[in-house]
Amino acid sequence: MSDAAPNHDRAAFIRAETRLRAVAHVPEIRLHLADEAVPLWQKTEDELGAMGLPPPFWAFAWAGGQALARHLLDYPALVRGRRVLDLGSGSGLVAIAAAKAGAVPVIAAEIDAFAATAIELNAAANEVYVEVLVRDLLDDAAPTARYDTILVGDLFYEQTTAARVLAWLDRHAALGAAVLVGDPWRSYFPTARLEKLADYGVPVTRDLEDNDIKRTAVWRLNPL
């Protein structure tokens, strides 16, 4: 199976390696999630790693995404009727929450074709429509589209990526986009640039995190 594999092959792999179940902190939403992190990570590396595909981030409900999704469902006015982009969407959890909260259209941006298929499967399971864009938007030197709100869950985990994400968000914020971030204080989270809106204690997978409950917050980016 390659990155160019037919969509139904990717869908079959996702269905075989995950279970459709409610998200712990956002039980209104069901996702195709892995039962355990290590076996799926190993299987992905063994079967797909030779193709240079990213790890299966799409198979887990990360703390930042859960907090942000919860916040959108609790405060739907933040996105209702607005053009929304979920950057680095992963499983599509945040995008699905935005759609349920009344955002339209909702675009989920991803660089991984397997994640894109997972987003489509998860959106269908939740009876919402999410447009999936498979491209690295961070490569854009200037904004190529306008969004009312940009959503970011758990993207500040690696130094180079974090710097690229913040620079890209700044370009869009300068055009008037509101930026909401869900993050559990990852290593490269730019705290000084963000205003905290809410705190959450998010149930997470112990295989992936250091605790069963991860202290997480939702933030708003202050434009430069």
Protein backbone atom coordinates (compact mmCIF):
# COMPACT_ATOMS: atom_id res chain seq x y z
CA MET A 1 0.00 0.00 0.00
CA SER A 2 1.45 3.39 -0.99
CA ASP A 3 0.56 7.01 -0.38
CA ALA A 4 -1.12 6.87 -3.79
CA ALA A 5 -3.15 3.81 -2.78
CA PRO A 6 -6.86 3.96 -3.63
CA ASN A 7 -9.00 5.61 -1.01
CA HIS A 8 -10.89 2.36 -0.31
CA ASP A 9 -7.58 0.62 0.58
CA ARG A 10 -6.76 3.33 3.10
CA ALA A 11 -10.29 3.12 4.46
CA ALA A 12 -9.97 -0.65 4.85
CA PHE A 13 -6.70 -0.26 6.75
CA ILE A 14 -8.25 2.33 9.07
CA ARG A 15 -11.35 0.23 9.75
CA ALA A 16 -9.22 -2.86 10.44
CA GLU A 17 -6.88 -1.13 12.89
CA THR A 18 -9.34 1.05 14.83
CA ARG A 19 -12.75 0.99 16.50
CA LEU A 20 -15.48 3.59 16.06
CA ARG A 21 -16.14 4.92 19.54
CA ALA A 22 -17.02 8.03 21.50
CA VAL A 23 -14.26 10.49 22.35
CA ALA A 24 -13.66 10.61 26.11
CA HIS A 25 -13.93 14.39 26.60
CA VAL A 26 -16.32 14.92 23.68
CA PRO A 27 -18.73 11.96 23.81
CA GLU A 28 -21.04 13.63 21.29
CA ILE A 29 -18.44 12.74 18.64
CA ARG A 30 -17.36 9.26 17.54
CA LEU A 31 -14.02 8.59 15.85
CA HIS A 32 -12.13 5.63 14.44
CA LEU A 33 -9.56 5.29 17.25
CA ALA A 34 -6.81 2.78 18.01
CA ASP A 35 -7.14 0.74 21.19
CA GLU A 36 -3.41 0.92 21.89
CA ALA A 37 -0.75 3.26 20.60
CA VAL A 38 2.32 1.03 20.36
CA PRO A 39 0.88 -1.85 18.24
CA LEU A 40 -0.59 0.49 15.63
CA TRP A 41 2.55 2.63 15.54
CA GLN A 42 4.63 -0.51 14.97
CA LYS A 43 2.25 -1.87 12.34
CA THR A 44 2.27 1.46 10.52
CA GLU A 45 6.05 1.54 10.53
CA ASP A 46 6.30 -2.06 9.34
CA GLU A 47 3.70 -1.85 6.58
CA LEU A 48 3.79 1.78 5.55
CA GLY A 49 7.03 3.23 6.86
CA ALA A 50 8.95 2.23 3.76
CA MET A 51 6.67 4.55 1.82
CA GLY A 52 7.74 7.51 3.92
CA LEU A 53 4.28 8.07 5.41
CA PRO A 54 3.79 10.01 8.66
CA PRO A 55 3.00 8.21 11.94
CA PRO A 56 -0.69 7.47 12.57
CA PHE A 57 -1.52 10.67 14.45
CA TRP A 58 -5.03 10.36 12.99
CA ALA A 59 -5.79 7.29 15.14
CA PHE A 60 -5.77 9.10 18.48
CA ALA A 61 -7.78 11.87 20.14
CA TRP A 62 -4.99 14.17 21.33
CA ALA A 63 -5.49 16.36 24.40
CA GLY A 64 -5.39 19.70 22.59
CA GLY A 65 -7.92 18.60 20.01
CA GLN A 66 -10.27 17.22 22.65
CA ALA A 67 -10.18 20.46 24.65
CA LEU A 68 -10.74 22.61 21.57
CA ALA A 69 -13.57 20.41 20.31
CA ARG A 70 -15.24 20.54 23.74
CA HIS A 71 -14.92 24.33 23.77
CA LEU A 72 -16.51 24.71 20.33
CA LEU A 73 -19.49 22.54 21.26
CA ASP A 74 -19.95 24.44 24.52
CA TYR A 75 -19.57 27.86 22.86
CA PRO A 76 -20.87 27.38 19.29
CA ALA A 77 -21.16 31.13 18.66
CA LEU A 78 -17.37 31.14 18.24
CA VAL A 79 -17.71 29.45 14.85
CA ARG A 80 -21.40 29.38 13.89
CA GLY A 81 -21.86 30.59 10.31
CA ARG A 82 -18.13 31.20 9.90
CA ARG A 83 -15.67 29.90 7.32
CA VAL A 84 -13.38 27.66 9.39
CA LEU A 85 -10.07 25.91 8.78
CA ASP A 86 -8.79 23.12 11.02
CA LEU A 87 -5.02 23.11 10.51
CA GLY A 88 -3.27 19.75 10.89
CA SER A 89 -6.63 18.10 11.42
CA GLY A 90 -5.45 14.55 12.24
CA SER A 91 -8.59 12.53 13.00
CA GLY A 92 -10.82 15.48 12.09
CA LEU A 93 -12.11 15.81 15.66
CA VAL A 94 -11.90 19.62 15.81
CA ALA A 95 -13.28 20.05 12.30
CA ILE A 96 -16.23 17.79 13.13
CA ALA A 97 -16.92 19.76 16.31
CA ALA A 98 -16.86 23.00 14.31
CA ALA A 99 -19.35 21.57 11.82
CA LYS A 100 -21.62 20.41 14.64
CA ALA A 101 -21.38 23.91 16.13
CA GLY A 102 -22.67 25.40 12.87
CA ALA A 103 -19.53 26.49 11.05
CA VAL A 104 -19.84 26.51 7.28
CA PRO A 105 -17.84 25.67 5.34
CA VAL A 106 -15.39 23.63 7.40
CA ILE A 107 -12.06 22.78 5.78
CA ALA A 108 -9.70 20.22 7.33
CA ALA A 109 -6.09 20.58 6.17
CA GLU A 110 -3.73 17.59 6.36
CA ILE A 111 -0.51 16.41 4.74
CA ASP A 112 -1.19 12.69 5.30
CA ALA A 113 -3.46 10.86 2.85
CA PHE A 114 -4.39 8.32 5.54
CA ALA A 115 -5.47 11.15 7.84
CA ALA A 116 -7.53 12.60 5.01
CA THR A 117 -9.35 9.29 4.63
CA ALA A 118 -9.82 9.05 8.40
CA ILE A 119 -11.35 12.54 8.43
CA GLU A 120 -13.80 11.54 5.69
CA LEU A 121 -14.79 8.36 7.55
CA ASN A 122 -15.15 10.19 10.86
CA ALA A 123 -17.17 13.05 9.37
CA ALA A 124 -19.55 10.56 7.76
CA ALA A 125 -19.91 8.67 11.07
CA ASN A 126 -20.95 11.95 12.71
CA GLU A 127 -23.27 12.96 9.86
CA VAL A 128 -21.47 16.21 9.04
CA TYR A 129 -19.63 17.39 5.95
CA VAL A 130 -16.00 18.44 6.15
CA GLU A 131 -13.99 19.45 3.10
CA VAL A 132 -10.56 17.80 3.22
CA LEU A 133 -7.53 19.58 1.79
CA VAL A 134 -4.41 17.41 1.43
CA ARG A 135 -1.57 19.92 1.18
CA ASP A 136 1.06 21.50 3.41
CA LEU A 137 -0.41 24.98 3.79
CA LEU A 138 2.59 26.05 5.84
CA ASP A 139 4.58 26.20 2.61
CA ASP A 140 2.47 29.15 1.45
CA ALA A 141 4.55 32.32 1.67
CA ALA A 142 1.35 34.38 1.55
CA PRO A 143 -2.27 33.49 2.34
CA THR A 144 -4.02 31.88 -0.62
CA ALA A 145 -7.46 31.77 1.03
CA ARG A 146 -9.32 33.77 3.64
CA TYR A 147 -10.77 32.16 6.75
CA ASP A 148 -12.92 33.66 9.48
CA THR A 149 -11.53 31.30 12.11
CA ILE A 150 -8.51 28.99 12.15
CA LEU A 151 -8.43 26.10 14.63
CA VAL A 152 -5.22 24.44 15.81
CA GLY A 153 -5.05 21.38 18.06
CA ASP A 154 -1.73 20.06 19.36
CA LEU A 155 0.64 21.32 16.65
CA PHE A 156 3.38 22.80 18.85
CA TYR A 157 5.14 19.52 19.64
CA GLU A 158 8.26 19.99 17.48
CA GLN A 159 10.47 23.08 17.19
CA THR A 160 10.61 23.56 13.43
CA THR A 161 6.92 22.77 12.95
CA ALA A 162 5.93 25.07 15.80
CA ALA A 163 7.84 27.99 14.28
CA ARG A 164 6.28 27.40 10.85
CA VAL A 165 2.78 27.12 12.35
CA LEU A 166 3.11 30.38 14.31
CA ALA A 167 4.47 32.30 11.31
CA TRP A 168 1.63 31.00 9.12
CA LEU A 169 -0.99 31.87 11.73
CA ASP A 170 0.42 35.37 12.05
CA ARG A 171 0.02 35.94 8.32
CA HIS A 172 -3.65 34.98 8.51
CA ALA A 173 -4.32 36.82 11.76
CA ALA A 174 -3.03 39.96 10.05
CA LEU A 175 -5.90 39.56 7.56
CA GLY A 176 -8.45 39.36 10.35
CA ALA A 177 -8.72 35.62 10.99
CA ALA A 178 -9.48 34.62 14.57
CA VAL A 179 -7.14 31.86 15.78
CA LEU A 180 -8.16 29.37 18.48
CA VAL A 181 -5.64 26.85 19.80
CA GLY A 182 -6.04 23.76 21.97
CA ASP A 183 -2.77 22.71 23.59
CA PRO A 184 -1.51 21.03 26.80
CA TRP A 185 1.61 23.19 26.99
CA ARG A 186 3.66 21.16 24.53
CA SER A 187 7.41 21.80 24.46
CA TYR A 188 7.32 24.58 21.86
CA PHE A 189 4.01 26.17 22.73
CA PRO A 190 4.29 30.00 22.39
CA THR A 191 2.58 30.90 25.67
CA ALA A 192 3.57 34.56 25.50
CA ARG A 193 1.57 35.08 22.31
CA LEU A 194 -1.65 33.45 23.47
CA GLU A 195 -4.49 34.40 25.77
CA LYS A 196 -6.03 31.56 27.76
CA LEU A 197 -9.79 31.18 27.41
CA ALA A 198 -10.50 27.97 29.35
CA ASP A 199 -8.87 25.09 31.24
CA TYR A 200 -9.76 21.42 30.86
CA GLY A 201 -8.71 18.10 32.37
CA VAL A 202 -8.70 15.78 29.36
CA PRO A 203 -8.69 11.95 29.55
CA VAL A 204 -5.89 10.66 27.31
CA THR A 205 -4.13 7.46 26.29
CA ARG A 206 -1.42 6.64 28.83
CA ASP A 207 0.71 5.14 26.03
CA LEU A 208 1.00 8.61 24.50
CA GLU A 209 1.00 10.97 27.47
CA ASP A 210 2.52 11.17 30.95
CA ASN A 211 -0.81 11.02 32.81
CA ASP A 212 -4.31 9.60 32.40
CA ILE A 213 -5.70 13.13 32.65
CA LYS A 214 -3.84 15.86 30.75
CA ARG A 215 -4.12 19.48 31.87
CA THR A 216 -5.02 21.32 28.68
CA ALA A 217 -6.25 24.78 27.73
CA VAL A 218 -7.92 26.61 24.87
CA TRP A 219 -6.21 29.80 23.80
CA ARG A 220 -6.70 32.76 21.46
CA LEU A 221 -3.77 34.08 19.45
CA ASN A 222 -3.09 37.77 19.90
CA PRO A 223 -2.11 39.31 16.54
CA LEU A 224 1.26 41.01 16.25
